[in-house]
Amino acid sequence: IVPVYWVCLSFYLFLLYPKIYFPDL
């Protein structure tokens, strides 16, 4: 489960990078 989730998360973080609240990472 986790590797696939991390791939999806990385893609989403890349798209929303300017709006990320890093303490929630």
PDB file of all heavy atoms in Angstrom:
ATOM      1  N   ILE A   1       0.808  -1.222   0.000  1.00  0.00           N
ATOM      2  CA  ILE A   1       0.000   0.000   0.000  1.00  0.00           C
ATOM      3  C   ILE A   1       0.842   1.274   0.000  1.00  0.00           C
ATOM      4  O   ILE A   1       0.618   2.189  -0.790  1.00  0.00           O
ATOM      5  CB  ILE A   1      -0.947   0.002   1.218  1.00  0.00           C
ATOM      6  CG1 ILE A   1      -1.965  -1.125   1.081  1.00  0.00           C
ATOM      7  CG2 ILE A   1      -1.654   1.340   1.366  1.00  0.00           C
ATOM      8  CD1 ILE A   1      -2.858  -1.289   2.279  1.00  0.00           C
ATOM      9  N   VAL A   2       1.811   1.339   0.907  1.00  0.00           N
ATOM     10  CA  VAL A   2       2.521   2.590   1.147  1.00  0.00           C
ATOM     11  C   VAL A   2       3.301   3.102  -0.069  1.00  0.00           C
ATOM     12  O   VAL A   2       3.231   4.301  -0.380  1.00  0.00           O
ATOM     13  CB  VAL A   2       3.447   2.458   2.377  1.00  0.00           C
ATOM     14  CG1 VAL A   2       4.319   3.696   2.536  1.00  0.00           C
ATOM     15  CG2 VAL A   2       2.607   2.227   3.633  1.00  0.00           C
ATOM     16  N   PRO A   3       4.066   2.282  -0.796  1.00  0.00           N
ATOM     17  CA  PRO A   3       4.803   2.823  -1.949  1.00  0.00           C
ATOM     18  C   PRO A   3       3.905   3.483  -2.992  1.00  0.00           C
ATOM     19  O   PRO A   3       4.237   4.545  -3.528  1.00  0.00           O
ATOM     20  CB  PRO A   3       5.516   1.590  -2.517  1.00  0.00           C
ATOM     21  CG  PRO A   3       5.679   0.680  -1.350  1.00  0.00           C
ATOM     22  CD  PRO A   3       4.426   0.870  -0.551  1.00  0.00           C
ATOM     23  N   VAL A   4       2.762   2.873  -3.290  1.00  0.00           N
ATOM     24  CA  VAL A   4       1.839   3.466  -4.258  1.00  0.00           C
ATOM     25  C   VAL A   4       1.292   4.782  -3.726  1.00  0.00           C
ATOM     26  O   VAL A   4       1.176   5.777  -4.468  1.00  0.00           O
ATOM     27  CB  VAL A   4       0.681   2.490  -4.562  1.00  0.00           C
ATOM     28  CG1 VAL A   4      -0.333   3.130  -5.505  1.00  0.00           C
ATOM     29  CG2 VAL A   4       1.218   1.197  -5.167  1.00  0.00           C
ATOM     30  N   TYR A   5       0.991   4.806  -2.450  1.00  0.00           N
ATOM     31  CA  TYR A   5       0.509   6.054  -1.835  1.00  0.00           C
ATOM     32  C   TYR A   5       1.568   7.134  -1.906  1.00  0.00           C
ATOM     33  O   TYR A   5       1.266   8.300  -2.214  1.00  0.00           O
ATOM     34  CB  TYR A   5       0.105   5.790  -0.382  1.00  0.00           C
ATOM     35  CG  TYR A   5      -0.087   7.056   0.408  1.00  0.00           C
ATOM     36  CD1 TYR A   5      -1.168   7.899   0.184  1.00  0.00           C
ATOM     37  CD2 TYR A   5       0.835   7.422   1.395  1.00  0.00           C
ATOM     38  CE1 TYR A   5      -1.338   9.065   0.896  1.00  0.00           C
ATOM     39  CE2 TYR A   5       0.669   8.586   2.124  1.00  0.00           C
ATOM     40  CZ  TYR A   5      -0.413   9.409   1.873  1.00  0.00           C
ATOM     41  OH  TYR A   5      -0.569  10.565   2.587  1.00  0.00           O
ATOM     42  N   TRP A   6       2.812   6.797  -1.643  1.00  0.00           N
ATOM     43  CA  TRP A   6       3.888   7.783  -1.695  1.00  0.00           C
ATOM     44  C   TRP A   6       4.078   8.335  -3.105  1.00  0.00           C
ATOM     45  O   TRP A   6       4.379   9.519  -3.268  1.00  0.00           O
ATOM     46  CB  TRP A   6       5.192   7.157  -1.191  1.00  0.00           C
ATOM     47  CG  TRP A   6       5.261   7.120   0.314  1.00  0.00           C
ATOM     48  CD1 TRP A   6       4.450   7.772   1.189  1.00  0.00           C
ATOM     49  CD2 TRP A   6       6.206   6.391   1.104  1.00  0.00           C
ATOM     50  NE1 TRP A   6       4.815   7.496   2.487  1.00  0.00           N
ATOM     51  CE2 TRP A   6       5.891   6.658   2.470  1.00  0.00           C
ATOM     52  CE3 TRP A   6       7.271   5.548   0.806  1.00  0.00           C
ATOM     53  CZ2 TRP A   6       6.614   6.097   3.518  1.00  0.00           C
ATOM     54  CZ3 TRP A   6       7.993   4.987   1.850  1.00  0.00           C
ATOM     55  CH2 TRP A   6       7.669   5.277   3.189  1.00  0.00           C
ATOM     56  N   VAL A   7       3.926   7.496  -4.107  1.00  0.00           N
ATOM     57  CA  VAL A   7       4.025   7.976  -5.491  1.00  0.00           C
ATOM     58  C   VAL A   7       2.924   8.997  -5.772  1.00  0.00           C
ATOM     59  O   VAL A   7       3.184  10.079  -6.323  1.00  0.00           O
ATOM     60  CB  VAL A   7       3.940   6.802  -6.481  1.00  0.00           C
ATOM     61  CG1 VAL A   7       3.796   7.315  -7.916  1.00  0.00           C
ATOM     62  CG2 VAL A   7       5.175   5.918  -6.380  1.00  0.00           C
ATOM     63  N   CYS A   8       1.706   8.665  -5.396  1.00  0.00           N
ATOM     64  CA  CYS A   8       0.587   9.596  -5.594  1.00  0.00           C
ATOM     65  C   CYS A   8       0.781  10.866  -4.789  1.00  0.00           C
ATOM     66  O   CYS A   8       0.516  11.981  -5.278  1.00  0.00           O
ATOM     67  CB  CYS A   8      -0.727   8.922  -5.201  1.00  0.00           C
ATOM     68  SG  CYS A   8      -1.160   7.487  -6.197  1.00  0.00           S
ATOM     69  N   LEU A   9       1.260  10.730  -3.556  1.00  0.00           N
ATOM     70  CA  LEU A   9       1.493  11.893  -2.705  1.00  0.00           C
ATOM     71  C   LEU A   9       2.565  12.793  -3.296  1.00  0.00           C
ATOM     72  O   LEU A   9       2.418  14.029  -3.308  1.00  0.00           O
ATOM     73  CB  LEU A   9       1.896  11.440  -1.307  1.00  0.00           C
ATOM     74  CG  LEU A   9       2.219  12.547  -0.295  1.00  0.00           C
ATOM     75  CD1 LEU A   9       0.992  13.401  -0.019  1.00  0.00           C
ATOM     76  CD2 LEU A   9       2.750  11.959   1.007  1.00  0.00           C
ATOM     77  N   SER A  10       3.652  12.217  -3.798  1.00  0.00           N
ATOM     78  CA  SER A  10       4.737  13.007  -4.386  1.00  0.00           C
ATOM     79  C   SER A  10       4.248  13.800  -5.578  1.00  0.00           C
ATOM     80  O   SER A  10       4.589  14.980  -5.747  1.00  0.00           O
ATOM     81  CB  SER A  10       5.885  12.085  -4.808  1.00  0.00           C
ATOM     82  OG  SER A  10       6.408  11.397  -3.694  1.00  0.00           O
ATOM     83  N   PHE A  11       3.441  13.177  -6.405  1.00  0.00           N
ATOM     84  CA  PHE A  11       2.900  13.865  -7.579  1.00  0.00           C
ATOM     85  C   PHE A  11       2.007  15.025  -7.144  1.00  0.00           C
ATOM     86  O   PHE A  11       2.092  16.131  -7.693  1.00  0.00           O
ATOM     87  CB  PHE A  11       2.111  12.871  -8.434  1.00  0.00           C
ATOM     88  CG  PHE A  11       1.509  13.474  -9.671  1.00  0.00           C
ATOM     89  CD1 PHE A  11       2.309  13.815 -10.755  1.00  0.00           C
ATOM     90  CD2 PHE A  11       0.140  13.697  -9.747  1.00  0.00           C
ATOM     91  CE1 PHE A  11       1.752  14.377 -11.893  1.00  0.00           C
ATOM     92  CE2 PHE A  11      -0.416  14.254 -10.883  1.00  0.00           C
ATOM     93  CZ  PHE A  11       0.390  14.605 -11.961  1.00  0.00           C
ATOM     94  N   TYR A  12       1.190  14.800  -6.135  1.00  0.00           N
ATOM     95  CA  TYR A  12       0.275  15.831  -5.660  1.00  0.00           C
ATOM     96  C   TYR A  12       1.044  16.967  -4.989  1.00  0.00           C
ATOM     97  O   TYR A  12       0.716  18.145  -5.163  1.00  0.00           O
ATOM     98  CB  TYR A  12      -0.722  15.218  -4.687  1.00  0.00           C
ATOM     99  CG  TYR A  12      -2.023  15.979  -4.589  1.00  0.00           C
ATOM    100  CD1 TYR A  12      -2.950  15.929  -5.616  1.00  0.00           C
ATOM    101  CD2 TYR A  12      -2.322  16.732  -3.460  1.00  0.00           C
ATOM    102  CE1 TYR A  12      -4.140  16.626  -5.532  1.00  0.00           C
ATOM    103  CE2 TYR A  12      -3.515  17.430  -3.361  1.00  0.00           C
ATOM    104  CZ  TYR A  12      -4.425  17.369  -4.409  1.00  0.00           C
ATOM    105  OH  TYR A  12      -5.600  18.064  -4.318  1.00  0.00           O
ATOM    106  N   LEU A  13       2.082  16.632  -4.225  1.00  0.00           N
ATOM    107  CA  LEU A  13       2.901  17.666  -3.588  1.00  0.00           C
ATOM    108  C   LEU A  13       3.611  18.518  -4.632  1.00  0.00           C
ATOM    109  O   LEU A  13       3.771  19.728  -4.464  1.00  0.00           O
ATOM    110  CB  LEU A  13       3.929  17.010  -2.658  1.00  0.00           C
ATOM    111  CG  LEU A  13       3.392  16.377  -1.381  1.00  0.00           C
ATOM    112  CD1 LEU A  13       4.499  15.666  -0.626  1.00  0.00           C
ATOM    113  CD2 LEU A  13       2.736  17.428  -0.488  1.00  0.00           C
ATOM    114  N   PHE A  14       4.040  17.897  -5.706  1.00  0.00           N
ATOM    115  CA  PHE A  14       4.700  18.639  -6.787  1.00  0.00           C
ATOM    116  C   PHE A  14       3.744  19.648  -7.411  1.00  0.00           C
ATOM    117  O   PHE A  14       4.128  20.785  -7.711  1.00  0.00           O
ATOM    118  CB  PHE A  14       5.212  17.660  -7.842  1.00  0.00           C
ATOM    119  CG  PHE A  14       5.810  18.329  -9.037  1.00  0.00           C
ATOM    120  CD1 PHE A  14       7.091  18.870  -8.982  1.00  0.00           C
ATOM    121  CD2 PHE A  14       5.100  18.426 -10.223  1.00  0.00           C
ATOM    122  CE1 PHE A  14       7.645  19.505 -10.091  1.00  0.00           C
ATOM    123  CE2 PHE A  14       5.636  19.051 -11.333  1.00  0.00           C
ATOM    124  CZ  PHE A  14       6.918  19.595 -11.264  1.00  0.00           C
ATOM    125  N   LEU A  15       2.495  19.251  -7.588  1.00  0.00           N
ATOM    126  CA  LEU A  15       1.514  20.144  -8.193  1.00  0.00           C
ATOM    127  C   LEU A  15       1.143  21.295  -7.266  1.00  0.00           C
ATOM    128  O   LEU A  15       0.903  22.424  -7.717  1.00  0.00           O
ATOM    129  CB  LEU A  15       0.248  19.367  -8.565  1.00  0.00           C
ATOM    130  CG  LEU A  15       0.381  18.347  -9.699  1.00  0.00           C
ATOM    131  CD1 LEU A  15      -0.947  17.628  -9.912  1.00  0.00           C
ATOM    132  CD2 LEU A  15       0.830  19.022 -10.994  1.00  0.00           C
ATOM    133  N   LEU A  16       1.110  21.031  -5.957  1.00  0.00           N
ATOM    134  CA  LEU A  16       0.649  22.037  -4.995  1.00  0.00           C
ATOM    135  C   LEU A  16       1.789  22.629  -4.173  1.00  0.00           C
ATOM    136  O   LEU A  16       1.549  23.225  -3.122  1.00  0.00           O
ATOM    137  CB  LEU A  16      -0.382  21.412  -4.049  1.00  0.00           C
ATOM    138  CG  LEU A  16      -1.668  20.888  -4.696  1.00  0.00           C
ATOM    139  CD1 LEU A  16      -2.592  20.332  -3.632  1.00  0.00           C
ATOM    140  CD2 LEU A  16      -2.371  21.984  -5.477  1.00  0.00           C
ATOM    141  N   TYR A  17       3.014  22.505  -4.642  1.00  0.00           N
ATOM    142  CA  TYR A  17       4.182  22.890  -3.849  1.00  0.00           C
ATOM    143  C   TYR A  17       4.065  24.268  -3.183  1.00  0.00           C
ATOM    144  O   TYR A  17       4.341  24.387  -1.990  1.00  0.00           O
ATOM    145  CB  TYR A  17       5.440  22.835  -4.725  1.00  0.00           C
ATOM    146  CG  TYR A  17       6.673  23.387  -4.057  1.00  0.00           C
ATOM    147  CD1 TYR A  17       7.348  22.649  -3.085  1.00  0.00           C
ATOM    148  CD2 TYR A  17       7.144  24.652  -4.369  1.00  0.00           C
ATOM    149  CE1 TYR A  17       8.462  23.144  -2.455  1.00  0.00           C
ATOM    150  CE2 TYR A  17       8.271  25.167  -3.741  1.00  0.00           C
ATOM    151  CZ  TYR A  17       8.929  24.414  -2.791  1.00  0.00           C
ATOM    152  OH  TYR A  17      10.033  24.917  -2.177  1.00  0.00           O
ATOM    153  N   PRO A  18       3.644  25.319  -3.883  1.00  0.00           N
ATOM    154  CA  PRO A  18       3.615  26.642  -3.215  1.00  0.00           C
ATOM    155  C   PRO A  18       2.634  26.727  -2.061  1.00  0.00           C
ATOM    156  O   PRO A  18       2.752  27.599  -1.208  1.00  0.00           O
ATOM    157  CB  PRO A  18       3.208  27.595  -4.349  1.00  0.00           C
ATOM    158  CG  PRO A  18       3.502  26.849  -5.602  1.00  0.00           C
ATOM    159  CD  PRO A  18       3.231  25.413  -5.279  1.00  0.00           C
ATOM    160  N   LYS A  19       1.655  25.823  -2.024  1.00  0.00           N
ATOM    161  CA  LYS A  19       0.600  25.932  -1.019  1.00  0.00           C
ATOM    162  C   LYS A  19       0.756  24.927   0.119  1.00  0.00           C
ATOM    163  O   LYS A  19      -0.116  24.817   0.964  1.00  0.00           O
ATOM    164  CB  LYS A  19      -0.761  25.719  -1.684  1.00  0.00           C
ATOM    165  CG  LYS A  19      -1.055  26.711  -2.817  1.00  0.00           C
ATOM    166  CD  LYS A  19      -2.399  26.417  -3.457  1.00  0.00           C
ATOM    167  CE  LYS A  19      -2.679  27.371  -4.594  1.00  0.00           C
ATOM    168  NZ  LYS A  19      -3.982  27.092  -5.245  1.00  0.00           N
ATOM    169  N   ILE A  20       1.868  24.210   0.153  1.00  0.00           N
ATOM    170  CA  ILE A  20       2.041  23.165   1.158  1.00  0.00           C
ATOM    171  C   ILE A  20       2.390  23.759   2.519  1.00  0.00           C
ATOM    172  O   ILE A  20       3.225  24.656   2.629  1.00  0.00           O
ATOM    173  CB  ILE A  20       3.144  22.174   0.733  1.00  0.00           C
ATOM    174  CG1 ILE A  20       2.717  21.460  -0.539  1.00  0.00           C
ATOM    175  CG2 ILE A  20       3.428  21.170   1.832  1.00  0.00           C
ATOM    176  CD1 ILE A  20       1.466  20.648  -0.391  1.00  0.00           C
ATOM    177  N   TYR A  21       1.707  23.272   3.553  1.00  0.00           N
ATOM    178  CA  TYR A  21       2.048  23.642   4.927  1.00  0.00           C
ATOM    179  C   TYR A  21       2.974  22.553   5.458  1.00  0.00           C
ATOM    180  O   TYR A  21       2.556  21.459   5.808  1.00  0.00           O
ATOM    181  CB  TYR A  21       0.770  23.741   5.768  1.00  0.00           C
ATOM    182  CG  TYR A  21       1.012  24.127   7.210  1.00  0.00           C
ATOM    183  CD1 TYR A  21       1.626  25.345   7.535  1.00  0.00           C
ATOM    184  CD2 TYR A  21       0.617  23.291   8.245  1.00  0.00           C
ATOM    185  CE1 TYR A  21       1.843  25.695   8.849  1.00  0.00           C
ATOM    186  CE2 TYR A  21       0.830  23.646   9.572  1.00  0.00           C
ATOM    187  CZ  TYR A  21       1.438  24.849   9.858  1.00  0.00           C
ATOM    188  OH  TYR A  21       1.651  25.205  11.164  1.00  0.00           O
ATOM    189  N   PHE A  22       4.273  22.838   5.484  1.00  0.00           N
ATOM    190  CA  PHE A  22       5.278  21.810   5.692  1.00  0.00           C
ATOM    191  C   PHE A  22       5.196  21.083   7.041  1.00  0.00           C
ATOM    192  O   PHE A  22       5.545  19.901   7.110  1.00  0.00           O
ATOM    193  CB  PHE A  22       6.675  22.399   5.484  1.00  0.00           C
ATOM    194  CG  PHE A  22       7.015  22.584   4.036  1.00  0.00           C
ATOM    195  CD1 PHE A  22       6.821  23.819   3.426  1.00  0.00           C
ATOM    196  CD2 PHE A  22       7.495  21.543   3.277  1.00  0.00           C
ATOM    197  CE1 PHE A  22       7.113  23.999   2.083  1.00  0.00           C
ATOM    198  CE2 PHE A  22       7.793  21.699   1.936  1.00  0.00           C
ATOM    199  CZ  PHE A  22       7.599  22.927   1.333  1.00  0.00           C
ATOM    200  N   PRO A  23       4.766  21.716   8.121  1.00  0.00           N
ATOM    201  CA  PRO A  23       4.631  20.938   9.361  1.00  0.00           C
ATOM    202  C   PRO A  23       3.672  19.752   9.241  1.00  0.00           C
ATOM    203  O   PRO A  23       3.740  18.816  10.041  1.00  0.00           O
ATOM    204  CB  PRO A  23       4.115  21.974  10.361  1.00  0.00           C
ATOM    205  CG  PRO A  23       4.671  23.269   9.863  1.00  0.00           C
ATOM    206  CD  PRO A  23       4.604  23.150   8.370  1.00  0.00           C
ATOM    207  N   ASP A  24       2.777  19.779   8.264  1.00  0.00           N
ATOM    208  CA  ASP A  24       1.838  18.665   8.080  1.00  0.00           C
ATOM    209  C   ASP A  24       2.428  17.543   7.250  1.00  0.00           C
ATOM    210  O   ASP A  24       1.806  16.474   7.126  1.00  0.00           O
ATOM    211  CB  ASP A  24       0.563  19.167   7.387  1.00  0.00           C
ATOM    212  CG  ASP A  24      -0.333  19.940   8.343  1.00  0.00           C
ATOM    213  OD1 ASP A  24      -0.215  19.715   9.559  1.00  0.00           O
ATOM    214  OD2 ASP A  24      -1.140  20.749   7.873  1.00  0.00           O
ATOM    215  N   LEU A  25       3.602  17.751   6.663  1.00  0.00           N
ATOM    216  CA  LEU A  25       4.178  16.739   5.791  1.00  0.00           C
ATOM    217  C   LEU A  25       4.404  15.416   6.516  1.00  0.00           C
ATOM    218  O   LEU A  25       4.227  14.346   5.933  1.00  0.00           O
ATOM    219  CB  LEU A  25       5.501  17.235   5.202  1.00  0.00           C
ATOM    220  CG  LEU A  25       5.417  18.051   3.911  1.00  0.00           C
ATOM    221  CD1 LEU A  25       6.812  18.479   3.465  1.00  0.00           C
ATOM    222  CD2 LEU A  25       4.729  17.259   2.817  1.00  0.00           C
TER     223      LEU A  25
END
